[in-house]
């Protein structure tokens, strides 16, 4: 199982600062008689300068370390 970078999300916090969330996704590669088959797994959200983020809704995330909620204004999940 490998993890791949799939994009970034820019969000604004309650302190009016921009926060960048990097999105990673598990990928499982299975070897079959017909070749390789790739299966996408769970997504993981990580703050740009370290630390985890949890997805609350499509447009809202929570910084785990501080509990602050941030709202997406650029990028997609």
PDB file of N, CA and C in Angstrom:
ATOM      1  N   UNK A   1       0.856  -1.164   0.000  1.00  0.00           N
ATOM      2  CA  UNK A   1       0.000   0.000   0.000  1.00  0.00           C
ATOM      3  C   UNK A   1       0.907   1.233   0.000  1.00  0.00           C
ATOM      4  N   UNK A   2       0.597   2.163  -0.860  1.00  0.00           N
ATOM      5  CA  UNK A   2       1.358   3.402  -0.966  1.00  0.00           C
ATOM      6  C   UNK A   2       0.431   4.587  -0.743  1.00  0.00           C
ATOM      7  N   UNK A   3       1.045   5.696  -0.461  1.00  0.00           N
ATOM      8  CA  UNK A   3       0.269   6.908  -0.252  1.00  0.00           C
ATOM      9  C   UNK A   3       0.692   7.915  -1.313  1.00  0.00           C
ATOM     10  N   UNK A   4      -0.278   8.552  -1.960  1.00  0.00           N
ATOM     11  CA  UNK A   4       0.065   9.525  -2.998  1.00  0.00           C
ATOM     12  C   UNK A   4      -0.553  10.879  -2.673  1.00  0.00           C
ATOM     13  N   UNK A   5       0.135  11.929  -3.120  1.00  0.00           N
ATOM     14  CA  UNK A   5      -0.344  13.299  -2.963  1.00  0.00           C
ATOM     15  C   UNK A   5      -1.390  13.544  -4.036  1.00  0.00           C
ATOM     16  N   UNK A   6      -2.571  14.050  -3.645  1.00  0.00           N
ATOM     17  CA  UNK A   6      -3.633  14.267  -4.630  1.00  0.00           C
ATOM     18  C   UNK A   6      -4.055  15.725  -4.750  1.00  0.00           C
ATOM     19  N   UNK A   7      -3.493  16.615  -3.956  1.00  0.00           N
ATOM     20  CA  UNK A   7      -3.829  18.024  -4.106  1.00  0.00           C
ATOM     21  C   UNK A   7      -3.754  18.792  -2.809  1.00  0.00           C
ATOM     22  N   UNK A   8      -4.148  20.052  -2.910  1.00  0.00           N
ATOM     23  CA  UNK A   8      -4.143  20.896  -1.713  1.00  0.00           C
ATOM     24  C   UNK A   8      -5.431  21.694  -1.642  1.00  0.00           C
ATOM     25  N   UNK A   9      -5.739  22.109  -0.436  1.00  0.00           N
ATOM     26  CA  UNK A   9      -6.924  22.914  -0.162  1.00  0.00           C
ATOM     27  C   UNK A   9      -6.448  24.140   0.610  1.00  0.00           C
ATOM     28  N   UNK A  10      -6.902  25.311   0.204  1.00  0.00           N
ATOM     29  CA  UNK A  10      -6.584  26.535   0.937  1.00  0.00           C
ATOM     30  C   UNK A  10      -7.840  26.957   1.687  1.00  0.00           C
ATOM     31  N   UNK A  11      -7.669  27.203   2.977  1.00  0.00           N
ATOM     32  CA  UNK A  11      -8.810  27.559   3.825  1.00  0.00           C
ATOM     33  C   UNK A  11      -8.446  28.767   4.677  1.00  0.00           C
ATOM     34  N   UNK A  12      -9.458  29.446   5.164  1.00  0.00           N
ATOM     35  CA  UNK A  12      -9.245  30.599   6.038  1.00  0.00           C
ATOM     36  C   UNK A  12      -9.775  30.259   7.429  1.00  0.00           C
ATOM     37  N   UNK A  13      -8.992  30.657   8.443  1.00  0.00           N
ATOM     38  CA  UNK A  13      -9.374  30.362   9.817  1.00  0.00           C
ATOM     39  C   UNK A  13     -10.135  31.501  10.461  1.00  0.00           C
ATOM     40  N   UNK A  14     -10.522  31.286  11.700  1.00  0.00           N
ATOM     41  CA  UNK A  14     -11.248  32.317  12.445  1.00  0.00           C
ATOM     42  C   UNK A  14     -10.356  33.515  12.739  1.00  0.00           C
ATOM     43  N   UNK A  15      -9.036  33.345  12.584  1.00  0.00           N
ATOM     44  CA  UNK A  15      -8.079  34.434  12.785  1.00  0.00           C
ATOM     45  C   UNK A  15      -7.779  35.180  11.484  1.00  0.00           C
ATOM     46  N   UNK A  16      -8.549  34.878  10.422  1.00  0.00           N
ATOM     47  CA  UNK A  16      -8.417  35.495   9.097  1.00  0.00           C
ATOM     48  C   UNK A  16      -7.088  35.201   8.407  1.00  0.00           C
ATOM     49  N   UNK A  17      -6.389  34.146   8.809  1.00  0.00           N
ATOM     50  CA  UNK A  17      -5.168  33.714   8.144  1.00  0.00           C
ATOM     51  C   UNK A  17      -5.492  32.557   7.214  1.00  0.00           C
ATOM     52  N   UNK A  18      -4.705  32.437   6.134  1.00  0.00           N
ATOM     53  CA  UNK A  18      -4.878  31.319   5.208  1.00  0.00           C
ATOM     54  C   UNK A  18      -4.118  30.102   5.715  1.00  0.00           C
ATOM     55  N   UNK A  19      -4.708  28.939   5.568  1.00  0.00           N
ATOM     56  CA  UNK A  19      -4.097  27.672   5.945  1.00  0.00           C
ATOM     57  C   UNK A  19      -4.140  26.747   4.740  1.00  0.00           C
ATOM     58  N   UNK A  20      -3.043  26.024   4.516  1.00  0.00           N
ATOM     59  CA  UNK A  20      -2.971  25.087   3.395  1.00  0.00           C
ATOM     60  C   UNK A  20      -3.045  23.672   3.952  1.00  0.00           C
ATOM     61  N   UNK A  21      -3.956  22.885   3.389  1.00  0.00           N
ATOM     62  CA  UNK A  21      -4.116  21.488   3.778  1.00  0.00           C
ATOM     63  C   UNK A  21      -3.697  20.633   2.591  1.00  0.00           C
ATOM     64  N   UNK A  22      -2.706  19.771   2.796  1.00  0.00           N
ATOM     65  CA  UNK A  22      -2.299  18.825   1.761  1.00  0.00           C
ATOM     66  C   UNK A  22      -3.152  17.572   1.884  1.00  0.00           C
ATOM     67  N   UNK A  23      -3.585  17.044   0.738  1.00  0.00           N
ATOM     68  CA  UNK A  23      -4.451  15.869   0.723  1.00  0.00           C
ATOM     69  C   UNK A  23      -3.661  14.687   0.177  1.00  0.00           C
ATOM     70  N   UNK A  24      -3.653  13.595   0.927  1.00  0.00           N
ATOM     71  CA  UNK A  24      -2.988  12.360   0.524  1.00  0.00           C
ATOM     72  C   UNK A  24      -4.025  11.247   0.480  1.00  0.00           C
ATOM     73  N   UNK A  25      -3.810  10.264  -0.389  1.00  0.00           N
ATOM     74  CA  UNK A  25      -4.756   9.162  -0.500  1.00  0.00           C
ATOM     75  C   UNK A  25      -3.994   7.846  -0.596  1.00  0.00           C
ATOM     76  N   UNK A  26      -4.474   6.851   0.167  1.00  0.00           N
ATOM     77  CA  UNK A  26      -3.903   5.509   0.084  1.00  0.00           C
ATOM     78  C   UNK A  26      -4.205   4.918  -1.279  1.00  0.00           C
ATOM     79  N   UNK A  27      -3.267   4.146  -1.783  1.00  0.00           N
ATOM     80  CA  UNK A  27      -3.472   3.477  -3.064  1.00  0.00           C
ATOM     81  C   UNK A  27      -2.936   2.053  -2.945  1.00  0.00           C
ATOM     82  N   UNK A  28      -3.775   1.103  -3.246  1.00  0.00           N
ATOM     83  CA  UNK A  28      -3.392  -0.303  -3.197  1.00  0.00           C
ATOM     84  C   UNK A  28      -3.268  -0.800  -4.629  1.00  0.00           C
ATOM     85  N   UNK A  29      -2.133  -1.415  -4.938  1.00  0.00           N
ATOM     86  CA  UNK A  29      -1.913  -1.958  -6.277  1.00  0.00           C
ATOM     87  C   UNK A  29      -1.961  -3.477  -6.175  1.00  0.00           C
ATOM     88  N   UNK A  30      -2.835  -4.064  -6.956  1.00  0.00           N
ATOM     89  CA  UNK A  30      -3.037  -5.512  -6.942  1.00  0.00           C
ATOM     90  C   UNK A  30      -2.591  -6.081  -8.287  1.00  0.00           C
ATOM     91  N   UNK A  31      -1.800  -7.124  -8.239  1.00  0.00           N
ATOM     92  CA  UNK A  31      -1.329  -7.761  -9.464  1.00  0.00           C
ATOM     93  C   UNK A  31      -2.288  -8.899  -9.832  1.00  0.00           C
ATOM     94  N   UNK A  32      -2.815  -8.852 -11.050  1.00  0.00           N
ATOM     95  CA  UNK A  32      -3.717  -9.896 -11.533  1.00  0.00           C
ATOM     96  C   UNK A  32      -3.165 -10.462 -12.836  1.00  0.00           C
ATOM     97  N   UNK A  33      -3.840 -11.457 -13.375  1.00  0.00           N
ATOM     98  CA  UNK A  33      -3.416 -12.038 -14.651  1.00  0.00           C
ATOM     99  C   UNK A  33      -3.524 -11.028 -15.793  1.00  0.00           C
ATOM    100  N   UNK A  34      -4.421 -10.071 -15.655  1.00  0.00           N
ATOM    101  CA  UNK A  34      -4.626  -9.062 -16.696  1.00  0.00           C
ATOM    102  C   UNK A  34      -3.762  -7.819 -16.501  1.00  0.00           C
ATOM    103  N   UNK A  35      -2.921  -7.797 -15.507  1.00  0.00           N
ATOM    104  CA  UNK A  35      -2.069  -6.638 -15.241  1.00  0.00           C
ATOM    105  C   UNK A  35      -2.276  -6.109 -13.837  1.00  0.00           C
ATOM    106  N   UNK A  36      -1.936  -4.845 -13.652  1.00  0.00           N
ATOM    107  CA  UNK A  36      -2.057  -4.216 -12.343  1.00  0.00           C
ATOM    108  C   UNK A  36      -3.402  -3.513 -12.205  1.00  0.00           C
ATOM    109  N   UNK A  37      -3.997  -3.643 -11.028  1.00  0.00           N
ATOM    110  CA  UNK A  37      -5.263  -2.973 -10.734  1.00  0.00           C
ATOM    111  C   UNK A  37      -5.023  -2.061  -9.538  1.00  0.00           C
ATOM    112  N   UNK A  38      -5.391  -0.791  -9.683  1.00  0.00           N
ATOM    113  CA  UNK A  38      -5.206   0.182  -8.600  1.00  0.00           C
ATOM    114  C   UNK A  38      -6.539   0.446  -7.903  1.00  0.00           C
ATOM    115  N   UNK A  39      -6.492   0.434  -6.575  1.00  0.00           N
ATOM    116  CA  UNK A  39      -7.675   0.715  -5.762  1.00  0.00           C
ATOM    117  C   UNK A  39      -7.379   1.942  -4.906  1.00  0.00           C
ATOM    118  N   UNK A  40      -8.263   2.925  -4.963  1.00  0.00           N
ATOM    119  CA  UNK A  40      -8.101   4.105  -4.125  1.00  0.00           C
ATOM    120  C   UNK A  40      -8.589   3.805  -2.718  1.00  0.00           C
ATOM    121  N   UNK A  41      -7.866   4.334  -1.747  1.00  0.00           N
ATOM    122  CA  UNK A  41      -8.229   4.106  -0.356  1.00  0.00           C
ATOM    123  C   UNK A  41      -8.672   5.380   0.330  1.00  0.00           C
ATOM    124  N   UNK A  42      -8.456   5.433   1.625  1.00  0.00           N
ATOM    125  CA  UNK A  42      -8.872   6.572   2.440  1.00  0.00           C
ATOM    126  C   UNK A  42      -8.019   7.802   2.168  1.00  0.00           C
ATOM    127  N   UNK A  43      -8.632   8.977   2.330  1.00  0.00           N
ATOM    128  CA  UNK A  43      -7.904  10.232   2.202  1.00  0.00           C
ATOM    129  C   UNK A  43      -7.435  10.673   3.580  1.00  0.00           C
ATOM    130  N   UNK A  44      -6.271  11.315   3.595  1.00  0.00           N
ATOM    131  CA  UNK A  44      -5.701  11.853   4.830  1.00  0.00           C
ATOM    132  C   UNK A  44      -5.400  13.328   4.598  1.00  0.00           C
ATOM    133  N   UNK A  45      -5.704  14.151   5.579  1.00  0.00           N
ATOM    134  CA  UNK A  45      -5.529  15.595   5.458  1.00  0.00           C
ATOM    135  C   UNK A  45      -4.460  16.042   6.445  1.00  0.00           C
ATOM    136  N   UNK A  46      -3.461  16.789   5.936  1.00  0.00           N
ATOM    137  CA  UNK A  46      -2.342  17.221   6.760  1.00  0.00           C
ATOM    138  C   UNK A  46      -2.080  18.706   6.534  1.00  0.00           C
ATOM    139  N   UNK A  47      -1.861  19.430   7.607  1.00  0.00           N
ATOM    140  CA  UNK A  47      -1.546  20.852   7.494  1.00  0.00           C
ATOM    141  C   UNK A  47      -0.186  21.006   6.822  1.00  0.00           C
ATOM    142  N   UNK A  48      -0.001  22.091   6.081  1.00  0.00           N
ATOM    143  CA  UNK A  48       1.222  22.283   5.303  1.00  0.00           C
ATOM    144  C   UNK A  48       2.475  22.252   6.170  1.00  0.00           C
ATOM    145  N   UNK A  49       2.431  22.825   7.354  1.00  0.00           N
ATOM    146  CA  UNK A  49       3.608  22.876   8.215  1.00  0.00           C
ATOM    147  C   UNK A  49       3.547  21.834   9.324  1.00  0.00           C
ATOM    148  N   UNK A  50       2.849  20.739   9.077  1.00  0.00           N
ATOM    149  CA  UNK A  50       2.771  19.650  10.035  1.00  0.00           C
ATOM    150  C   UNK A  50       1.479  19.664  10.830  1.00  0.00           C
ATOM    151  N   UNK A  51       1.079  18.512  11.258  1.00  0.00           N
ATOM    152  CA  UNK A  51      -0.147  18.389  12.034  1.00  0.00           C
ATOM    153  C   UNK A  51      -1.298  17.887  11.184  1.00  0.00           C
ATOM    154  N   UNK A  52      -2.237  17.283  11.832  1.00  0.00           N
ATOM    155  CA  UNK A  52      -3.369  16.677  11.132  1.00  0.00           C
ATOM    156  C   UNK A  52      -4.553  17.633  11.077  1.00  0.00           C
ATOM    157  N   UNK A  53      -5.432  17.360  10.122  1.00  0.00           N
ATOM    158  CA  UNK A  53      -6.693  18.092  10.002  1.00  0.00           C
ATOM    159  C   UNK A  53      -7.798  17.074   9.776  1.00  0.00           C
ATOM    160  N   UNK A  54      -8.950  17.329  10.357  1.00  0.00           N
ATOM    161  CA  UNK A  54     -10.111  16.456  10.171  1.00  0.00           C
ATOM    162  C   UNK A  54     -11.137  17.161   9.303  1.00  0.00           C
ATOM    163  N   UNK A  55     -11.750  16.401   8.403  1.00  0.00           N
ATOM    164  CA  UNK A  55     -12.795  16.952   7.547  1.00  0.00           C
ATOM    165  C   UNK A  55     -14.111  16.917   8.311  1.00  0.00           C
ATOM    166  N   UNK A  56     -14.752  18.076   8.457  1.00  0.00           N
ATOM    167  CA  UNK A  56     -16.043  18.176   9.133  1.00  0.00           C
ATOM    168  C   UNK A  56     -17.158  18.103   8.087  1.00  0.00           C
ATOM    169  N   UNK A  57     -17.082  18.980   7.086  1.00  0.00           N
ATOM    170  CA  UNK A  57     -18.017  18.983   5.958  1.00  0.00           C
ATOM    171  C   UNK A  57     -17.202  19.217   4.685  1.00  0.00           C
ATOM    172  N   UNK A  58     -17.869  19.345   3.551  1.00  0.00           N
ATOM    173  CA  UNK A  58     -17.175  19.600   2.285  1.00  0.00           C
ATOM    174  C   UNK A  58     -16.401  20.915   2.314  1.00  0.00           C
ATOM    175  N   UNK A  59     -16.849  21.865   3.107  1.00  0.00           N
ATOM    176  CA  UNK A  59     -16.217  23.186   3.119  1.00  0.00           C
ATOM    177  C   UNK A  59     -15.609  23.561   4.461  1.00  0.00           C
ATOM    178  N   UNK A  60     -15.597  22.649   5.412  1.00  0.00           N
ATOM    179  CA  UNK A  60     -15.079  22.973   6.738  1.00  0.00           C
ATOM    180  C   UNK A  60     -14.184  21.852   7.262  1.00  0.00           C
ATOM    181  N   UNK A  61     -13.028  22.251   7.802  1.00  0.00           N
ATOM    182  CA  UNK A  61     -12.060  21.325   8.382  1.00  0.00           C
ATOM    183  C   UNK A  61     -11.717  21.802   9.784  1.00  0.00           C
ATOM    184  N   UNK A  62     -11.152  20.900  10.579  1.00  0.00           N
ATOM    185  CA  UNK A  62     -10.743  21.250  11.932  1.00  0.00           C
ATOM    186  C   UNK A  62      -9.270  20.909  12.103  1.00  0.00           C
ATOM    187  N   UNK A  63      -8.489  21.875  12.609  1.00  0.00           N
ATOM    188  CA  UNK A  63      -7.079  21.639  12.908  1.00  0.00           C
ATOM    189  C   UNK A  63      -7.035  20.858  14.216  1.00  0.00           C
ATOM    190  N   UNK A  64      -6.454  19.661  14.189  1.00  0.00           N
ATOM    191  CA  UNK A  64      -6.487  18.770  15.352  1.00  0.00           C
ATOM    192  C   UNK A  64      -5.775  19.385  16.556  1.00  0.00           C
ATOM    193  N   UNK A  65      -4.618  19.993  16.342  1.00  0.00           N
ATOM    194  CA  UNK A  65      -3.816  20.507  17.453  1.00  0.00           C
ATOM    195  C   UNK A  65      -4.509  21.626  18.224  1.00  0.00           C
ATOM    196  N   UNK A  66      -5.268  22.465  17.536  1.00  0.00           N
ATOM    197  CA  UNK A  66      -5.865  23.631  18.191  1.00  0.00           C
ATOM    198  C   UNK A  66      -7.378  23.558  18.324  1.00  0.00           C
ATOM    199  N   UNK A  67      -8.014  22.696  17.524  1.00  0.00           N
ATOM    200  CA  UNK A  67      -9.465  22.610  17.532  1.00  0.00           C
ATOM    201  C   UNK A  67     -10.134  23.712  16.724  1.00  0.00           C
ATOM    202  N   UNK A  68      -9.326  24.563  16.074  1.00  0.00           N
ATOM    203  CA  UNK A  68      -9.879  25.667  15.283  1.00  0.00           C
ATOM    204  C   UNK A  68     -10.494  25.137  13.993  1.00  0.00           C
ATOM    205  N   UNK A  69     -11.648  25.658  13.653  1.00  0.00           N
ATOM    206  CA  UNK A  69     -12.306  25.285  12.401  1.00  0.00           C
ATOM    207  C   UNK A  69     -11.920  26.277  11.322  1.00  0.00           C
ATOM    208  N   UNK A  70     -11.627  25.737  10.144  1.00  0.00           N
ATOM    209  CA  UNK A  70     -11.241  26.571   9.012  1.00  0.00           C
ATOM    210  C   UNK A  70     -12.172  26.284   7.844  1.00  0.00           C
ATOM    211  N   UNK A  71     -12.430  27.309   7.034  1.00  0.00           N
ATOM    212  CA  UNK A  71     -13.390  27.221   5.941  1.00  0.00           C
ATOM    213  C   UNK A  71     -12.671  27.289   4.601  1.00  0.00           C
ATOM    214  N   UNK A  72     -12.982  26.368   3.712  1.00  0.00           N
ATOM    215  CA  UNK A  72     -12.337  26.272   2.402  1.00  0.00           C
ATOM    216  C   UNK A  72     -12.725  27.459   1.533  1.00  0.00           C
ATOM    217  N   UNK A  73     -11.722  28.046   0.846  1.00  0.00           N
ATOM    218  CA  UNK A  73     -12.039  29.077  -0.137  1.00  0.00           C
ATOM    219  C   UNK A  73     -11.305  28.853  -1.451  1.00  0.00           C
ATOM    220  N   UNK A  74     -10.461  27.817  -1.534  1.00  0.00           N
ATOM    221  CA  UNK A  74      -9.764  27.507  -2.779  1.00  0.00           C
ATOM    222  C   UNK A  74      -9.384  26.034  -2.759  1.00  0.00           C
ATOM    223  N   UNK A  75      -9.488  25.388  -3.897  1.00  0.00           N
ATOM    224  CA  UNK A  75      -9.192  23.967  -3.968  1.00  0.00           C
ATOM    225  C   UNK A  75     -10.451  23.167  -3.757  1.00  0.00           C
ATOM    226  N   UNK A  76     -10.299  21.878  -3.708  1.00  0.00           N
ATOM    227  CA  UNK A  76     -11.458  21.009  -3.509  1.00  0.00           C
ATOM    228  C   UNK A  76     -11.035  19.793  -2.732  1.00  0.00           C
ATOM    229  N   UNK A  77     -12.006  19.088  -2.208  1.00  0.00           N
ATOM    230  CA  UNK A  77     -11.709  17.870  -1.459  1.00  0.00           C
ATOM    231  C   UNK A  77     -12.139  16.752  -2.294  1.00  0.00           C
TER     232      UNK A  77
END
